Amino acid sequence: MKELYFMRHSEALKFININNNDSLQLQNEKWPLSEKGEELAKKISLMDEMKNFDKVYSSSYVRAISTAKYFANNGIYIDENFGERKFGINNWEEKPIEFEKKQFLDFNYKVGNGESLNDVIDREYNSLLEILNTLNNQKVLIVGHSTAFVALLSKWCNISFENGYSFNGNIFFDGKWKHCEVFKLKFDENNNLIDIYNIKFN
């Protein structure tokens, strides 16, 4: 059996742009953690379940790397395939009405040069398989993003925003993503998901 953890990044500090020529995508990737976000990530890292990771992977986004640093004992493996879904717009005013709903109703829906959820699943799953294929009694954490993780989880789970997320008929998550939300996944030797838990910290 192979086990690994998925964690959403901690709370980000979003910019107030005055003079900034970065693309919207680059601005999004550069958001650091807020002071509260730093404190939350550090707090979670001190809990027994979240200690002693052999490998920590992170998306290339600053907020994910800044979260991952609290859990990494041997450096951080950066993999842009675990990044958030790309919107494909130049400013927030261009985002279509009910964009998120449209994407979850049609996993092929995308805008401009952005990504569909199927695009996100493909890139994330490819990197996940690389990790699973080399996993050997190691404790591994992947720090990423909520929408990207939702897309990936849909490969194995029934995702419902009204009734929660279920696996093999059992609801394991209410769908209300918090910062540093954590899931523990168990896979068999053929990389088939056999169980998933939402780990809650009081």
N, C-alpha and C. Protein backbone atom coordinates (compact mmCIF):
# COMPACT_ATOMS: atom_id res chain seq x y z
N MET A 1 0.84 -1.20 0.00
CA MET A 1 0.00 0.00 0.00
C MET A 1 0.88 1.25 0.00
N LYS A 2 0.44 2.28 -0.70
CA LYS A 2 1.16 3.54 -0.79
C LYS A 2 0.28 4.66 -0.22
N GLU A 3 0.89 5.53 0.58
CA GLU A 3 0.15 6.61 1.20
C GLU A 3 0.81 7.96 0.92
N LEU A 4 -0.02 8.95 0.67
CA LEU A 4 0.50 10.32 0.57
C LEU A 4 -0.58 11.30 0.98
N TYR A 5 -0.16 12.55 1.14
CA TYR A 5 -1.05 13.61 1.63
C TYR A 5 -1.17 14.72 0.59
N PHE A 6 -2.39 15.24 0.45
CA PHE A 6 -2.64 16.45 -0.32
C PHE A 6 -2.95 17.57 0.67
N MET A 7 -2.35 18.73 0.46
CA MET A 7 -2.69 19.89 1.30
C MET A 7 -2.89 21.13 0.45
N ARG A 8 -3.96 21.83 0.73
CA ARG A 8 -4.15 23.14 0.11
C ARG A 8 -3.22 24.14 0.80
N HIS A 9 -2.72 25.12 0.05
CA HIS A 9 -1.87 26.16 0.62
C HIS A 9 -2.58 26.93 1.71
N SER A 10 -1.82 27.64 2.51
CA SER A 10 -2.38 28.48 3.57
C SER A 10 -2.90 29.80 2.98
N GLU A 11 -3.37 30.69 3.85
CA GLU A 11 -4.02 31.93 3.40
C GLU A 11 -3.04 32.86 2.70
N ALA A 12 -3.43 33.34 1.52
CA ALA A 12 -2.57 34.22 0.72
C ALA A 12 -2.85 35.69 1.01
N LEU A 13 -1.82 36.50 0.79
CA LEU A 13 -1.95 37.96 0.83
C LEU A 13 -2.04 38.45 -0.60
N LYS A 14 -3.21 38.93 -0.99
CA LYS A 14 -3.42 39.36 -2.38
C LYS A 14 -2.99 40.82 -2.55
N PHE A 15 -2.38 41.09 -3.70
CA PHE A 15 -1.84 42.42 -3.98
C PHE A 15 -2.94 43.45 -4.25
N ILE A 16 -2.60 44.70 -3.96
CA ILE A 16 -3.35 45.83 -4.49
C ILE A 16 -2.43 46.46 -5.54
N ASN A 17 -2.73 46.24 -6.81
CA ASN A 17 -1.83 46.65 -7.88
C ASN A 17 -2.02 48.12 -8.24
N ILE A 18 -0.92 48.85 -8.30
CA ILE A 18 -0.94 50.25 -8.75
C ILE A 18 -0.23 50.33 -10.10
N ASN A 19 1.05 50.06 -10.11
CA ASN A 19 1.81 49.98 -11.37
C ASN A 19 2.44 48.58 -11.43
N ASN A 20 1.84 47.72 -12.21
CA ASN A 20 2.31 46.33 -12.26
C ASN A 20 2.04 45.80 -13.66
N ASN A 21 3.10 45.52 -14.41
CA ASN A 21 2.94 45.04 -15.77
C ASN A 21 2.89 43.51 -15.87
N ASP A 22 2.92 42.83 -14.72
CA ASP A 22 2.81 41.38 -14.75
C ASP A 22 1.46 40.96 -15.30
N SER A 23 1.42 39.85 -16.01
CA SER A 23 0.15 39.29 -16.46
C SER A 23 -0.66 38.88 -15.24
N LEU A 24 -1.96 38.71 -15.43
CA LEU A 24 -2.82 38.28 -14.33
C LEU A 24 -2.36 36.93 -13.78
N GLN A 25 -1.94 36.05 -14.69
CA GLN A 25 -1.46 34.74 -14.27
C GLN A 25 -0.23 34.87 -13.37
N LEU A 26 0.71 35.72 -13.76
CA LEU A 26 1.93 35.89 -12.97
C LEU A 26 1.62 36.55 -11.63
N GLN A 27 0.72 37.53 -11.63
CA GLN A 27 0.31 38.13 -10.37
C GLN A 27 -0.25 37.07 -9.43
N ASN A 28 -1.09 36.20 -9.96
CA ASN A 28 -1.69 35.12 -9.18
C ASN A 28 -0.61 34.20 -8.60
N GLU A 29 0.38 33.87 -9.40
CA GLU A 29 1.43 32.96 -8.96
C GLU A 29 2.32 33.59 -7.89
N LYS A 30 2.39 34.93 -7.83
CA LYS A 30 3.29 35.62 -6.90
C LYS A 30 2.68 35.92 -5.54
N TRP A 31 1.39 35.68 -5.33
CA TRP A 31 0.79 35.98 -4.04
C TRP A 31 1.54 35.26 -2.92
N PRO A 32 2.04 35.97 -1.94
CA PRO A 32 2.69 35.33 -0.79
C PRO A 32 1.64 34.95 0.26
N LEU A 33 2.09 34.39 1.35
CA LEU A 33 1.17 34.13 2.46
C LEU A 33 0.97 35.40 3.27
N SER A 34 -0.20 35.54 3.83
CA SER A 34 -0.46 36.61 4.79
C SER A 34 0.19 36.22 6.12
N GLU A 35 0.25 37.15 7.04
CA GLU A 35 0.79 36.83 8.37
C GLU A 35 -0.03 35.72 9.02
N LYS A 36 -1.35 35.79 8.87
CA LYS A 36 -2.22 34.74 9.40
C LYS A 36 -1.94 33.41 8.72
N GLY A 37 -1.66 33.47 7.41
CA GLY A 37 -1.35 32.25 6.67
C GLY A 37 -0.07 31.60 7.13
N GLU A 38 0.95 32.42 7.42
CA GLU A 38 2.21 31.90 7.94
C GLU A 38 1.98 31.21 9.29
N GLU A 39 1.21 31.86 10.14
CA GLU A 39 0.95 31.31 11.47
C GLU A 39 0.17 29.99 11.39
N LEU A 40 -0.79 29.92 10.48
CA LEU A 40 -1.58 28.70 10.34
C LEU A 40 -0.73 27.54 9.85
N ALA A 41 0.08 27.77 8.82
CA ALA A 41 0.92 26.71 8.28
C ALA A 41 1.89 26.19 9.35
N LYS A 42 2.49 27.11 10.11
CA LYS A 42 3.41 26.71 11.17
C LYS A 42 2.68 25.90 12.23
N LYS A 43 1.47 26.31 12.60
CA LYS A 43 0.68 25.59 13.61
C LYS A 43 0.38 24.16 13.16
N ILE A 44 -0.05 24.01 11.91
CA ILE A 44 -0.38 22.68 11.39
C ILE A 44 0.88 21.80 11.35
N SER A 45 2.02 22.40 11.02
CA SER A 45 3.26 21.63 10.88
C SER A 45 3.73 21.05 12.21
N LEU A 46 3.25 21.57 13.32
CA LEU A 46 3.66 21.09 14.64
C LEU A 46 2.80 19.93 15.13
N MET A 47 1.76 19.59 14.40
CA MET A 47 0.87 18.50 14.80
C MET A 47 1.46 17.16 14.37
N ASP A 48 1.29 16.16 15.21
CA ASP A 48 1.95 14.88 15.01
C ASP A 48 1.72 14.29 13.63
N GLU A 49 0.50 14.34 13.14
CA GLU A 49 0.17 13.75 11.84
C GLU A 49 0.95 14.39 10.71
N MET A 50 1.35 15.65 10.88
CA MET A 50 1.97 16.40 9.80
C MET A 50 3.47 16.59 9.98
N LYS A 51 4.08 15.74 10.77
CA LYS A 51 5.52 15.79 10.98
C LYS A 51 6.22 14.69 10.19
N ASN A 52 7.52 14.86 10.04
CA ASN A 52 8.41 13.80 9.53
C ASN A 52 8.09 13.34 8.11
N PHE A 53 7.86 14.28 7.22
CA PHE A 53 7.70 13.92 5.80
C PHE A 53 9.07 13.64 5.19
N ASP A 54 9.14 12.57 4.41
CA ASP A 54 10.38 12.23 3.71
C ASP A 54 10.57 13.11 2.48
N LYS A 55 9.46 13.43 1.80
CA LYS A 55 9.51 14.30 0.64
C LYS A 55 8.31 15.24 0.66
N VAL A 56 8.57 16.49 0.28
CA VAL A 56 7.50 17.47 0.16
C VAL A 56 7.54 18.06 -1.24
N TYR A 57 6.41 17.95 -1.94
CA TYR A 57 6.27 18.52 -3.28
C TYR A 57 5.37 19.74 -3.19
N SER A 58 5.61 20.70 -4.08
CA SER A 58 4.79 21.91 -4.09
C SER A 58 4.59 22.37 -5.53
N SER A 59 3.47 23.04 -5.74
CA SER A 59 3.29 23.76 -7.00
C SER A 59 4.32 24.90 -7.04
N SER A 60 4.46 25.53 -8.17
CA SER A 60 5.45 26.62 -8.32
C SER A 60 4.92 27.96 -7.83
N TYR A 61 3.69 28.01 -7.33
CA TYR A 61 3.12 29.26 -6.84
C TYR A 61 3.75 29.63 -5.49
N VAL A 62 3.99 30.91 -5.26
CA VAL A 62 4.65 31.36 -4.04
C VAL A 62 3.90 30.93 -2.80
N ARG A 63 2.57 31.04 -2.79
CA ARG A 63 1.80 30.70 -1.60
C ARG A 63 1.89 29.21 -1.26
N ALA A 64 2.05 28.37 -2.27
CA ALA A 64 2.20 26.93 -2.02
C ALA A 64 3.59 26.63 -1.48
N ILE A 65 4.62 27.21 -2.10
CA ILE A 65 6.00 26.99 -1.64
C ILE A 65 6.15 27.51 -0.21
N SER A 66 5.55 28.67 0.07
CA SER A 66 5.66 29.27 1.40
C SER A 66 4.94 28.45 2.46
N THR A 67 3.95 27.68 2.05
CA THR A 67 3.29 26.74 2.96
C THR A 67 4.14 25.49 3.13
N ALA A 68 4.65 24.97 2.02
CA ALA A 68 5.41 23.72 2.03
C ALA A 68 6.67 23.81 2.89
N LYS A 69 7.25 25.00 3.00
CA LYS A 69 8.53 25.14 3.73
C LYS A 69 8.42 24.69 5.17
N TYR A 70 7.23 24.77 5.76
CA TYR A 70 7.05 24.39 7.15
C TYR A 70 7.06 22.88 7.36
N PHE A 71 6.90 22.13 6.28
CA PHE A 71 6.80 20.67 6.38
C PHE A 71 8.00 19.94 5.79
N ALA A 72 8.91 20.71 5.18
CA ALA A 72 10.02 20.12 4.43
C ALA A 72 11.26 19.98 5.31
N ASN A 73 11.75 18.75 5.42
CA ASN A 73 12.98 18.49 6.14
C ASN A 73 14.17 18.32 5.20
N ASN A 74 13.88 18.01 3.95
CA ASN A 74 14.94 17.72 2.99
C ASN A 74 14.77 18.51 1.70
N GLY A 75 14.35 19.76 1.82
CA GLY A 75 14.11 20.57 0.63
C GLY A 75 12.72 20.35 0.07
N ILE A 76 12.36 21.16 -0.91
CA ILE A 76 11.04 21.10 -1.54
C ILE A 76 11.22 20.77 -3.01
N TYR A 77 10.43 19.81 -3.49
CA TYR A 77 10.43 19.45 -4.90
C TYR A 77 9.34 20.27 -5.59
N ILE A 78 9.75 21.19 -6.47
CA ILE A 78 8.79 22.06 -7.14
C ILE A 78 8.33 21.41 -8.44
N ASP A 79 7.01 21.30 -8.59
CA ASP A 79 6.44 20.73 -9.81
C ASP A 79 5.28 21.62 -10.25
N GLU A 80 5.48 22.32 -11.36
CA GLU A 80 4.43 23.26 -11.83
C GLU A 80 3.15 22.53 -12.23
N ASN A 81 3.22 21.22 -12.42
CA ASN A 81 2.01 20.46 -12.77
C ASN A 81 0.99 20.45 -11.63
N PHE A 82 1.42 20.78 -10.42
CA PHE A 82 0.48 20.86 -9.29
C PHE A 82 -0.05 22.28 -9.08
N GLY A 83 0.17 23.16 -10.06
CA GLY A 83 -0.33 24.52 -9.98
C GLY A 83 -1.84 24.60 -10.13
N GLU A 84 -2.38 25.78 -9.81
CA GLU A 84 -3.82 26.00 -9.89
C GLU A 84 -4.27 26.07 -11.35
N ARG A 85 -5.56 25.88 -11.55
CA ARG A 85 -6.16 26.01 -12.88
C ARG A 85 -5.91 27.41 -13.43
N LYS A 86 -5.48 27.49 -14.70
CA LYS A 86 -5.19 28.78 -15.34
C LYS A 86 -6.47 29.33 -15.97
N PHE A 87 -6.81 30.58 -15.64
CA PHE A 87 -8.07 31.17 -16.09
C PHE A 87 -8.08 31.51 -17.57
N GLY A 88 -6.95 31.96 -18.11
CA GLY A 88 -6.90 32.34 -19.52
C GLY A 88 -7.48 33.69 -19.81
N ILE A 89 -7.44 34.59 -18.81
CA ILE A 89 -7.96 35.95 -18.99
C ILE A 89 -6.87 36.96 -18.65
N ASN A 90 -7.05 38.20 -19.07
CA ASN A 90 -6.05 39.25 -18.84
C ASN A 90 -6.35 40.11 -17.62
N ASN A 91 -7.60 40.13 -17.18
CA ASN A 91 -7.98 40.83 -15.97
C ASN A 91 -9.25 40.19 -15.42
N TRP A 92 -9.54 40.44 -14.16
CA TRP A 92 -10.67 39.74 -13.52
C TRP A 92 -12.01 40.11 -14.14
N GLU A 93 -12.09 41.29 -14.78
CA GLU A 93 -13.35 41.70 -15.41
C GLU A 93 -13.69 40.81 -16.60
N GLU A 94 -12.69 40.14 -17.17
CA GLU A 94 -12.93 39.27 -18.32
C GLU A 94 -13.47 37.89 -17.93
N LYS A 95 -13.45 37.57 -16.66
CA LYS A 95 -13.90 36.24 -16.24
C LYS A 95 -15.40 36.10 -16.48
N PRO A 96 -15.82 35.09 -17.24
CA PRO A 96 -17.25 34.92 -17.55
C PRO A 96 -18.09 34.72 -16.29
N ILE A 97 -19.33 35.14 -16.38
CA ILE A 97 -20.26 34.93 -15.28
C ILE A 97 -20.42 33.43 -15.04
N GLU A 98 -20.40 33.02 -13.77
CA GLU A 98 -20.52 31.62 -13.36
C GLU A 98 -19.46 30.73 -14.02
N PHE A 99 -18.26 31.29 -14.16
CA PHE A 99 -17.16 30.55 -14.78
C PHE A 99 -16.92 29.21 -14.08
N GLU A 100 -16.83 29.23 -12.74
CA GLU A 100 -16.55 28.00 -12.00
C GLU A 100 -17.64 26.96 -12.22
N LYS A 101 -18.90 27.40 -12.19
CA LYS A 101 -20.02 26.47 -12.39
C LYS A 101 -19.95 25.86 -13.78
N LYS A 102 -19.65 26.68 -14.79
CA LYS A 102 -19.57 26.18 -16.16
C LYS A 102 -18.48 25.13 -16.29
N GLN A 103 -17.36 25.34 -15.60
CA GLN A 103 -16.27 24.36 -15.69
C GLN A 103 -16.66 23.04 -15.05
N PHE A 104 -17.36 23.08 -13.94
CA PHE A 104 -17.72 21.84 -13.27
C PHE A 104 -18.88 21.12 -13.95
N LEU A 105 -19.62 21.85 -14.77
CA LEU A 105 -20.66 21.20 -15.58
C LEU A 105 -20.09 20.61 -16.86
N ASP A 106 -18.98 21.18 -17.31
CA ASP A 106 -18.32 20.71 -18.54
C ASP A 106 -16.82 20.77 -18.34
N PHE A 107 -16.20 19.61 -18.10
CA PHE A 107 -14.78 19.56 -17.78
C PHE A 107 -13.89 19.92 -18.98
N ASN A 108 -14.49 20.14 -20.15
CA ASN A 108 -13.72 20.58 -21.32
C ASN A 108 -13.83 22.09 -21.54
N TYR A 109 -14.64 22.77 -20.73
CA TYR A 109 -14.86 24.21 -20.90
C TYR A 109 -13.62 24.99 -20.49
N LYS A 110 -13.19 25.92 -21.34
CA LYS A 110 -12.06 26.77 -21.04
C LYS A 110 -12.26 28.13 -21.70
N VAL A 111 -11.48 29.11 -21.30
CA VAL A 111 -11.55 30.46 -21.85
C VAL A 111 -10.18 30.85 -22.41
N GLY A 112 -10.15 31.33 -23.63
CA GLY A 112 -8.91 31.81 -24.22
C GLY A 112 -7.80 30.77 -24.16
N ASN A 113 -6.65 31.19 -23.65
CA ASN A 113 -5.52 30.27 -23.52
C ASN A 113 -5.47 29.62 -22.14
N GLY A 114 -6.60 29.61 -21.46
CA GLY A 114 -6.68 28.99 -20.14
C GLY A 114 -6.82 27.48 -20.21
N GLU A 115 -7.13 26.89 -19.07
CA GLU A 115 -7.22 25.44 -18.98
C GLU A 115 -8.63 24.97 -18.66
N SER A 116 -8.98 23.85 -19.23
CA SER A 116 -10.18 23.14 -18.79
C SER A 116 -9.81 22.30 -17.57
N LEU A 117 -10.80 21.79 -16.87
CA LEU A 117 -10.49 20.93 -15.73
C LEU A 117 -9.87 19.62 -16.20
N ASN A 118 -10.22 19.17 -17.38
CA ASN A 118 -9.56 17.97 -17.91
C ASN A 118 -8.08 18.22 -18.18
N ASP A 119 -7.73 19.42 -18.61
CA ASP A 119 -6.32 19.78 -18.78
C ASP A 119 -5.59 19.70 -17.44
N VAL A 120 -6.24 20.21 -16.41
CA VAL A 120 -5.64 20.22 -15.07
C VAL A 120 -5.44 18.78 -14.58
N ILE A 121 -6.46 17.96 -14.76
CA ILE A 121 -6.37 16.55 -14.33
C ILE A 121 -5.20 15.86 -15.01
N ASP A 122 -5.06 16.06 -16.31
CA ASP A 122 -4.01 15.37 -17.07
C ASP A 122 -2.62 15.71 -16.52
N ARG A 123 -2.35 17.00 -16.32
CA ARG A 123 -0.99 17.37 -15.88
C ARG A 123 -0.73 16.92 -14.45
N GLU A 124 -1.73 17.08 -13.58
CA GLU A 124 -1.53 16.67 -12.19
C GLU A 124 -1.36 15.16 -12.07
N TYR A 125 -2.19 14.42 -12.80
CA TYR A 125 -2.16 12.96 -12.68
C TYR A 125 -0.83 12.40 -13.20
N ASN A 126 -0.30 13.00 -14.25
CA ASN A 126 0.99 12.56 -14.77
C ASN A 126 2.08 12.69 -13.70
N SER A 127 2.10 13.80 -13.00
CA SER A 127 3.09 13.99 -11.94
C SER A 127 2.81 13.09 -10.75
N LEU A 128 1.54 12.90 -10.43
CA LEU A 128 1.19 12.02 -9.31
C LEU A 128 1.67 10.59 -9.58
N LEU A 129 1.49 10.12 -10.80
CA LEU A 129 1.94 8.77 -11.15
C LEU A 129 3.46 8.64 -11.00
N GLU A 130 4.19 9.67 -11.39
CA GLU A 130 5.64 9.63 -11.22
C GLU A 130 6.02 9.47 -9.75
N ILE A 131 5.30 10.17 -8.89
CA ILE A 131 5.57 10.05 -7.46
C ILE A 131 5.19 8.67 -6.95
N LEU A 132 4.00 8.19 -7.31
CA LEU A 132 3.55 6.88 -6.84
C LEU A 132 4.47 5.76 -7.30
N ASN A 133 4.98 5.89 -8.51
CA ASN A 133 5.83 4.83 -9.05
C ASN A 133 7.19 4.75 -8.36
N THR A 134 7.56 5.79 -7.63
CA THR A 134 8.84 5.77 -6.92
C THR A 134 8.65 5.75 -5.41
N LEU A 135 7.39 5.68 -4.97
CA LEU A 135 7.08 5.72 -3.54
C LEU A 135 7.45 4.38 -2.90
N ASN A 136 8.29 4.45 -1.89
CA ASN A 136 8.75 3.23 -1.23
C ASN A 136 8.84 3.46 0.28
N ASN A 137 7.72 3.19 0.95
CA ASN A 137 7.64 3.36 2.41
C ASN A 137 8.07 4.76 2.84
N GLN A 138 7.67 5.76 2.05
CA GLN A 138 7.98 7.13 2.38
C GLN A 138 6.71 7.91 2.70
N LYS A 139 6.86 8.88 3.56
CA LYS A 139 5.76 9.77 3.90
C LYS A 139 5.89 11.01 3.03
N VAL A 140 4.90 11.24 2.16
CA VAL A 140 5.00 12.29 1.13
C VAL A 140 3.84 13.27 1.24
N LEU A 141 4.15 14.55 1.10
CA LEU A 141 3.15 15.62 1.09
C LEU A 141 3.21 16.36 -0.23
N ILE A 142 2.04 16.65 -0.81
CA ILE A 142 1.93 17.50 -2.00
C ILE A 142 1.12 18.74 -1.62
N VAL A 143 1.72 19.92 -1.74
CA VAL A 143 1.03 21.17 -1.42
C VAL A 143 0.57 21.81 -2.73
N GLY A 144 -0.71 22.07 -2.84
CA GLY A 144 -1.25 22.63 -4.07
C GLY A 144 -2.45 23.53 -3.82
N HIS A 145 -3.47 23.40 -4.66
CA HIS A 145 -4.56 24.36 -4.73
C HIS A 145 -5.91 23.66 -4.78
N SER A 146 -6.92 24.34 -4.26
CA SER A 146 -8.22 23.69 -4.08
C SER A 146 -8.87 23.25 -5.39
N THR A 147 -8.99 24.15 -6.37
CA THR A 147 -9.67 23.77 -7.62
C THR A 147 -8.90 22.66 -8.34
N ALA A 148 -7.58 22.77 -8.35
CA ALA A 148 -6.77 21.74 -9.00
C ALA A 148 -6.92 20.40 -8.30
N PHE A 149 -6.95 20.41 -6.97
CA PHE A 149 -7.13 19.16 -6.23
C PHE A 149 -8.53 18.59 -6.44
N VAL A 150 -9.54 19.46 -6.49
CA VAL A 150 -10.91 18.98 -6.75
C VAL A 150 -10.97 18.26 -8.09
N ALA A 151 -10.34 18.86 -9.11
CA ALA A 151 -10.33 18.25 -10.43
C ALA A 151 -9.67 16.87 -10.37
N LEU A 152 -8.52 16.78 -9.70
CA LEU A 152 -7.82 15.51 -9.61
C LEU A 152 -8.63 14.48 -8.83
N LEU A 153 -9.22 14.88 -7.71
CA LEU A 153 -10.02 13.96 -6.91
C LEU A 153 -11.21 13.40 -7.68
N SER A 154 -11.69 14.16 -8.66
CA SER A 154 -12.85 13.70 -9.44
C SER A 154 -12.53 12.46 -10.27
N LYS A 155 -11.24 12.11 -10.42
CA LYS A 155 -10.88 10.87 -11.11
C LYS A 155 -11.39 9.65 -10.34
N TRP A 156 -11.49 9.79 -9.02
CA TRP A 156 -11.86 8.64 -8.20
C TRP A 156 -13.13 8.87 -7.39
N CYS A 157 -13.48 10.12 -7.16
CA CYS A 157 -14.53 10.46 -6.21
C CYS A 157 -15.72 11.13 -6.89
N ASN A 158 -16.86 11.05 -6.23
CA ASN A 158 -18.05 11.78 -6.68
C ASN A 158 -18.03 13.14 -5.99
N ILE A 159 -17.91 14.20 -6.79
CA ILE A 159 -17.80 15.55 -6.25
C ILE A 159 -19.14 16.26 -6.37
N SER A 160 -19.71 16.64 -5.23
CA SER A 160 -20.97 17.36 -5.21
C SER A 160 -20.84 18.52 -4.23
N PHE A 161 -21.15 19.73 -4.69
CA PHE A 161 -21.04 20.89 -3.83
C PHE A 161 -22.23 21.01 -2.88
N GLU A 162 -23.29 20.27 -3.17
CA GLU A 162 -24.45 20.27 -2.29
C GLU A 162 -24.36 19.15 -1.25
N ASN A 163 -23.83 17.99 -1.67
CA ASN A 163 -23.86 16.81 -0.80
C ASN A 163 -22.49 16.33 -0.36
N GLY A 164 -21.45 17.08 -0.65
CA GLY A 164 -20.12 16.69 -0.23
C GLY A 164 -19.42 15.76 -1.20
N TYR A 165 -18.21 15.35 -0.85
CA TYR A 165 -17.40 14.48 -1.69
C TYR A 165 -17.49 13.06 -1.13
N SER A 166 -17.69 12.09 -2.02
CA SER A 166 -17.79 10.71 -1.57
C SER A 166 -16.86 9.80 -2.36
N PHE A 167 -16.42 8.73 -1.70
CA PHE A 167 -15.59 7.70 -2.32
C PHE A 167 -16.16 6.35 -1.92
N ASN A 168 -16.45 5.53 -2.92
CA ASN A 168 -17.08 4.22 -2.68
C ASN A 168 -18.35 4.35 -1.86
N GLY A 169 -19.11 5.42 -2.13
CA GLY A 169 -20.39 5.62 -1.46
C GLY A 169 -20.32 6.26 -0.10
N ASN A 170 -19.13 6.53 0.40
CA ASN A 170 -18.97 7.13 1.73
C ASN A 170 -18.52 8.58 1.61
N ILE A 171 -19.26 9.49 2.25
CA ILE A 171 -18.90 10.90 2.23
C ILE A 171 -17.70 11.13 3.15
N PHE A 172 -16.62 11.72 2.61
CA PHE A 172 -15.42 11.96 3.40
C PHE A 172 -15.10 13.43 3.59
N PHE A 173 -15.84 14.31 2.89
CA PHE A 173 -15.55 15.75 2.97
C PHE A 173 -16.80 16.53 2.62
N ASP A 174 -17.04 17.62 3.36
CA ASP A 174 -18.24 18.43 3.14
C ASP A 174 -18.11 19.40 1.97
N GLY A 175 -16.92 19.49 1.38
CA GLY A 175 -16.73 20.37 0.23
C GLY A 175 -16.38 21.80 0.58
N LYS A 176 -16.28 22.11 1.87
CA LYS A 176 -15.98 23.48 2.31
C LYS A 176 -14.47 23.59 2.56
N TRP A 177 -13.75 24.00 1.52
CA TRP A 177 -12.30 24.06 1.59
C TRP A 177 -11.82 25.17 2.52
N LYS A 178 -10.95 24.82 3.44
CA LYS A 178 -10.28 25.79 4.30
C LYS A 178 -8.81 25.85 3.89
N HIS A 179 -8.12 26.87 4.33
CA HIS A 179 -6.69 26.92 4.09
C HIS A 179 -6.01 25.81 4.88
N CYS A 180 -5.02 25.20 4.27
CA CYS A 180 -4.31 24.04 4.83
C CYS A 180 -5.22 22.83 5.00
N GLU A 181 -6.27 22.73 4.18
CA GLU A 181 -7.11 21.53 4.19
C GLU A 181 -6.25 20.34 3.78
N VAL A 182 -6.38 19.20 4.49
CA VAL A 182 -5.50 18.06 4.27
C VAL A 182 -6.30 16.79 4.00
N PHE A 183 -5.81 16.00 3.03
CA PHE A 183 -6.38 14.69 2.73
C PHE A 183 -5.26 13.65 2.73
N LYS A 184 -5.55 12.50 3.29
CA LYS A 184 -4.62 11.38 3.25
C LYS A 184 -5.19 10.33 2.30
N LEU A 185 -4.39 9.96 1.30
CA LEU A 185 -4.83 9.02 0.27
C LEU A 185 -4.01 7.74 0.36
N LYS A 186 -4.70 6.60 0.16
CA LYS A 186 -4.04 5.31 0.14
C LYS A 186 -4.26 4.65 -1.21
N PHE A 187 -3.17 4.18 -1.82
CA PHE A 187 -3.22 3.54 -3.13
C PHE A 187 -2.69 2.12 -3.03
N ASP A 188 -3.19 1.24 -3.91
CA ASP A 188 -2.64 -0.11 -3.94
C ASP A 188 -1.39 -0.13 -4.82
N GLU A 189 -0.82 -1.31 -5.01
CA GLU A 189 0.44 -1.43 -5.76
C GLU A 189 0.29 -1.08 -7.23
N ASN A 190 -0.96 -1.08 -7.72
CA ASN A 190 -1.23 -0.70 -9.12
C ASN A 190 -1.66 0.75 -9.25
N ASN A 191 -1.48 1.51 -8.20
CA ASN A 191 -1.79 2.95 -8.17
C ASN A 191 -3.28 3.23 -8.26
N ASN A 192 -4.10 2.31 -7.79
CA ASN A 192 -5.53 2.53 -7.68
C ASN A 192 -5.84 3.06 -6.28
N LEU A 193 -6.64 4.13 -6.22
CA LEU A 193 -7.02 4.67 -4.92
C LEU A 193 -7.90 3.68 -4.18
N ILE A 194 -7.55 3.37 -2.94
CA ILE A 194 -8.35 2.42 -2.16
C ILE A 194 -9.01 3.08 -0.95
N ASP A 195 -8.53 4.25 -0.54
CA ASP A 195 -9.17 4.96 0.56
C ASP A 195 -8.69 6.40 0.61
N ILE A 196 -9.52 7.25 1.19
CA ILE A 196 -9.17 8.67 1.34
C ILE A 196 -9.82 9.21 2.59
N TYR A 197 -9.06 10.02 3.33
CA TYR A 197 -9.53 10.62 4.56
C TYR A 197 -9.30 12.13 4.52
N ASN A 198 -10.26 12.88 5.07
CA ASN A 198 -10.08 14.30 5.28
C ASN A 198 -9.61 14.47 6.73
N ILE A 199 -8.39 14.94 6.90
CA ILE A 199 -7.83 15.09 8.24
C ILE A 199 -8.21 16.45 8.81
N LYS A 200 -8.86 16.43 9.95
CA LYS A 200 -9.29 17.67 10.59
C LYS A 200 -8.43 17.97 11.80
N PHE A 201 -8.07 19.22 11.97
CA PHE A 201 -7.27 19.66 13.09
C PHE A 201 -8.11 20.63 13.94
N ASN A 202 -8.25 20.32 15.20
CA ASN A 202 -9.05 21.19 16.08
C ASN A 202 -8.23 22.37 16.57
